[in-house]
Amino acid sequence: MTHALSSASSCGLPRSTSFTATLRQAFAVYAQRRTLAKLDTDALDDLGLSRAEAQKEANRAFWDF
């Protein structure tokens, strides 16, 4: 059994992550998107994003990352 897991990771397949780690990542992305939505036009210009692009990203579901 250990051999199957080690061979899967050695051939480039991603390792499975825990549900808690995935949930933590989803909420971190959600917070980043909320922050992005609050940026002013100058800050968005610095990032090379338009207001429409920022809103599109901010409106994505938290689990969509």
N, C-alpha and C. Protein backbone atom coordinates (compact mmCIF):
# COMPACT_ATOMS: atom_id res chain seq x y z
N MET A 1 0.82 -1.19 0.00
CA MET A 1 0.00 0.00 0.00
C MET A 1 0.87 1.26 0.00
N THR A 2 1.91 1.26 0.80
CA THR A 2 2.80 2.41 0.82
C THR A 2 3.48 2.57 -0.53
N HIS A 3 3.81 1.47 -1.14
CA HIS A 3 4.46 1.52 -2.45
C HIS A 3 3.56 2.20 -3.48
N ALA A 4 2.27 1.89 -3.47
CA ALA A 4 1.34 2.49 -4.43
C ALA A 4 1.27 4.00 -4.23
N LEU A 5 1.26 4.44 -2.99
CA LEU A 5 1.20 5.88 -2.72
C LEU A 5 2.49 6.57 -3.13
N SER A 6 3.61 5.95 -2.83
CA SER A 6 4.88 6.58 -3.18
C SER A 6 5.09 6.60 -4.69
N SER A 7 4.64 5.55 -5.39
CA SER A 7 4.81 5.55 -6.84
C SER A 7 3.87 6.56 -7.49
N ALA A 8 2.69 6.79 -6.93
CA ALA A 8 1.78 7.78 -7.48
C ALA A 8 2.37 9.18 -7.34
N SER A 9 2.98 9.46 -6.19
CA SER A 9 3.56 10.79 -6.01
C SER A 9 4.84 10.96 -6.81
N SER A 10 5.55 9.87 -7.06
CA SER A 10 6.79 9.98 -7.82
C SER A 10 6.54 10.17 -9.31
N CYS A 11 5.34 9.83 -9.79
CA CYS A 11 5.06 10.00 -11.22
C CYS A 11 4.36 11.33 -11.50
N GLY A 12 4.33 12.23 -10.53
CA GLY A 12 3.82 13.56 -10.77
C GLY A 12 2.36 13.76 -10.42
N LEU A 13 1.68 12.76 -9.90
CA LEU A 13 0.29 12.95 -9.50
C LEU A 13 0.24 13.75 -8.20
N PRO A 14 -0.73 14.65 -8.07
CA PRO A 14 -0.80 15.44 -6.84
C PRO A 14 -1.20 14.58 -5.65
N ARG A 15 -0.68 14.92 -4.51
CA ARG A 15 -1.06 14.21 -3.30
C ARG A 15 -2.41 14.75 -2.84
N SER A 16 -3.21 13.91 -2.26
CA SER A 16 -4.50 14.37 -1.78
C SER A 16 -4.29 15.25 -0.55
N THR A 17 -5.10 16.28 -0.45
CA THR A 17 -5.02 17.18 0.70
C THR A 17 -6.20 16.91 1.60
N SER A 18 -6.04 17.26 2.84
CA SER A 18 -7.12 17.03 3.78
C SER A 18 -8.27 18.00 3.52
N PHE A 19 -9.43 17.62 3.94
CA PHE A 19 -10.60 18.47 3.80
C PHE A 19 -10.39 19.79 4.51
N THR A 20 -9.79 19.73 5.69
CA THR A 20 -9.54 20.95 6.47
C THR A 20 -8.60 21.90 5.72
N ALA A 21 -7.56 21.37 5.12
CA ALA A 21 -6.61 22.21 4.37
C ALA A 21 -7.29 22.83 3.15
N THR A 22 -8.11 22.06 2.48
CA THR A 22 -8.84 22.58 1.33
C THR A 22 -9.81 23.66 1.74
N LEU A 23 -10.52 23.46 2.82
CA LEU A 23 -11.46 24.45 3.33
C LEU A 23 -10.74 25.72 3.75
N ARG A 24 -9.60 25.57 4.40
CA ARG A 24 -8.79 26.73 4.79
C ARG A 24 -8.34 27.53 3.57
N GLN A 25 -7.93 26.83 2.53
CA GLN A 25 -7.51 27.49 1.29
C GLN A 25 -8.68 28.21 0.63
N ALA A 26 -9.85 27.58 0.63
CA ALA A 26 -11.04 28.19 0.02
C ALA A 26 -11.40 29.49 0.72
N PHE A 27 -11.34 29.52 2.04
CA PHE A 27 -11.67 30.74 2.76
C PHE A 27 -10.59 31.80 2.61
N ALA A 28 -9.35 31.40 2.46
CA ALA A 28 -8.28 32.37 2.19
C ALA A 28 -8.49 33.03 0.84
N VAL A 29 -8.86 32.25 -0.16
CA VAL A 29 -9.15 32.79 -1.49
C VAL A 29 -10.35 33.73 -1.42
N TYR A 30 -11.37 33.34 -0.67
CA TYR A 30 -12.55 34.19 -0.49
C TYR A 30 -12.16 35.55 0.10
N ALA A 31 -11.33 35.54 1.12
CA ALA A 31 -10.88 36.80 1.75
C ALA A 31 -10.08 37.65 0.77
N GLN A 32 -9.23 37.02 -0.02
CA GLN A 32 -8.45 37.76 -1.01
C GLN A 32 -9.36 38.39 -2.06
N ARG A 33 -10.38 37.68 -2.46
CA ARG A 33 -11.30 38.23 -3.45
C ARG A 33 -12.11 39.38 -2.89
N ARG A 34 -12.48 39.31 -1.62
CA ARG A 34 -13.20 40.42 -0.99
C ARG A 34 -12.30 41.66 -0.93
N THR A 35 -11.03 41.44 -0.63
CA THR A 35 -10.06 42.54 -0.60
C THR A 35 -9.88 43.13 -1.99
N LEU A 36 -9.79 42.28 -2.99
CA LEU A 36 -9.65 42.74 -4.36
C LEU A 36 -10.83 43.62 -4.76
N ALA A 37 -12.02 43.24 -4.35
CA ALA A 37 -13.22 44.00 -4.71
C ALA A 37 -13.22 45.40 -4.09
N LYS A 38 -12.50 45.57 -3.00
CA LYS A 38 -12.47 46.85 -2.29
C LYS A 38 -11.36 47.79 -2.78
N LEU A 39 -10.48 47.31 -3.64
CA LEU A 39 -9.38 48.15 -4.11
C LEU A 39 -9.88 49.31 -4.97
N ASP A 40 -9.20 50.44 -4.85
CA ASP A 40 -9.57 51.57 -5.70
C ASP A 40 -8.95 51.42 -7.08
N THR A 41 -9.33 52.31 -7.97
CA THR A 41 -8.90 52.23 -9.37
C THR A 41 -7.38 52.31 -9.51
N ASP A 42 -6.73 53.15 -8.71
CA ASP A 42 -5.27 53.26 -8.78
C ASP A 42 -4.59 51.95 -8.41
N ALA A 43 -5.06 51.31 -7.36
CA ALA A 43 -4.48 50.03 -6.95
C ALA A 43 -4.72 48.96 -8.02
N LEU A 44 -5.91 48.95 -8.59
CA LEU A 44 -6.18 47.98 -9.67
C LEU A 44 -5.29 48.23 -10.87
N ASP A 45 -5.07 49.52 -11.19
CA ASP A 45 -4.16 49.86 -12.29
C ASP A 45 -2.75 49.33 -12.02
N ASP A 46 -2.30 49.45 -10.77
CA ASP A 46 -0.98 48.94 -10.39
C ASP A 46 -0.88 47.42 -10.62
N LEU A 47 -1.99 46.73 -10.43
CA LEU A 47 -2.03 45.28 -10.63
C LEU A 47 -2.30 44.89 -12.07
N GLY A 48 -2.61 45.88 -12.89
CA GLY A 48 -2.91 45.60 -14.29
C GLY A 48 -4.30 45.03 -14.50
N LEU A 49 -5.23 45.37 -13.60
CA LEU A 49 -6.59 44.86 -13.68
C LEU A 49 -7.59 45.99 -13.89
N SER A 50 -8.63 45.73 -14.63
CA SER A 50 -9.72 46.69 -14.75
C SER A 50 -10.72 46.42 -13.62
N ARG A 51 -11.62 47.36 -13.41
CA ARG A 51 -12.67 47.18 -12.39
C ARG A 51 -13.52 45.97 -12.76
N ALA A 52 -13.83 45.80 -14.03
CA ALA A 52 -14.64 44.66 -14.47
C ALA A 52 -13.95 43.33 -14.19
N GLU A 53 -12.64 43.25 -14.45
CA GLU A 53 -11.89 42.02 -14.17
C GLU A 53 -11.87 41.72 -12.67
N ALA A 54 -11.67 42.76 -11.87
CA ALA A 54 -11.64 42.58 -10.42
C ALA A 54 -13.00 42.11 -9.91
N GLN A 55 -14.08 42.69 -10.42
CA GLN A 55 -15.42 42.27 -10.01
C GLN A 55 -15.72 40.85 -10.44
N LYS A 56 -15.29 40.49 -11.64
CA LYS A 56 -15.51 39.13 -12.12
C LYS A 56 -14.82 38.13 -11.19
N GLU A 57 -13.58 38.43 -10.81
CA GLU A 57 -12.84 37.55 -9.90
C GLU A 57 -13.49 37.53 -8.52
N ALA A 58 -13.88 38.69 -8.03
CA ALA A 58 -14.47 38.79 -6.69
C ALA A 58 -15.81 38.07 -6.61
N ASN A 59 -16.52 37.96 -7.72
CA ASN A 59 -17.83 37.32 -7.73
C ASN A 59 -17.78 35.81 -7.87
N ARG A 60 -16.59 35.26 -8.06
CA ARG A 60 -16.48 33.80 -8.15
C ARG A 60 -16.81 33.17 -6.79
N ALA A 61 -17.33 31.98 -6.83
CA ALA A 61 -17.67 31.26 -5.60
C ALA A 61 -16.40 30.93 -4.81
N PHE A 62 -16.51 30.88 -3.49
CA PHE A 62 -15.32 30.65 -2.66
C PHE A 62 -14.67 29.31 -2.92
N TRP A 63 -15.43 28.34 -3.37
CA TRP A 63 -14.85 27.01 -3.62
C TRP A 63 -14.22 26.91 -5.02
N ASP A 64 -14.39 27.96 -5.83
CA ASP A 64 -13.85 27.95 -7.19
C ASP A 64 -12.46 28.57 -7.20
N PHE A 65 -11.45 27.72 -6.96
CA PHE A 65 -10.06 28.22 -6.97
C PHE A 65 -9.15 27.25 -7.64
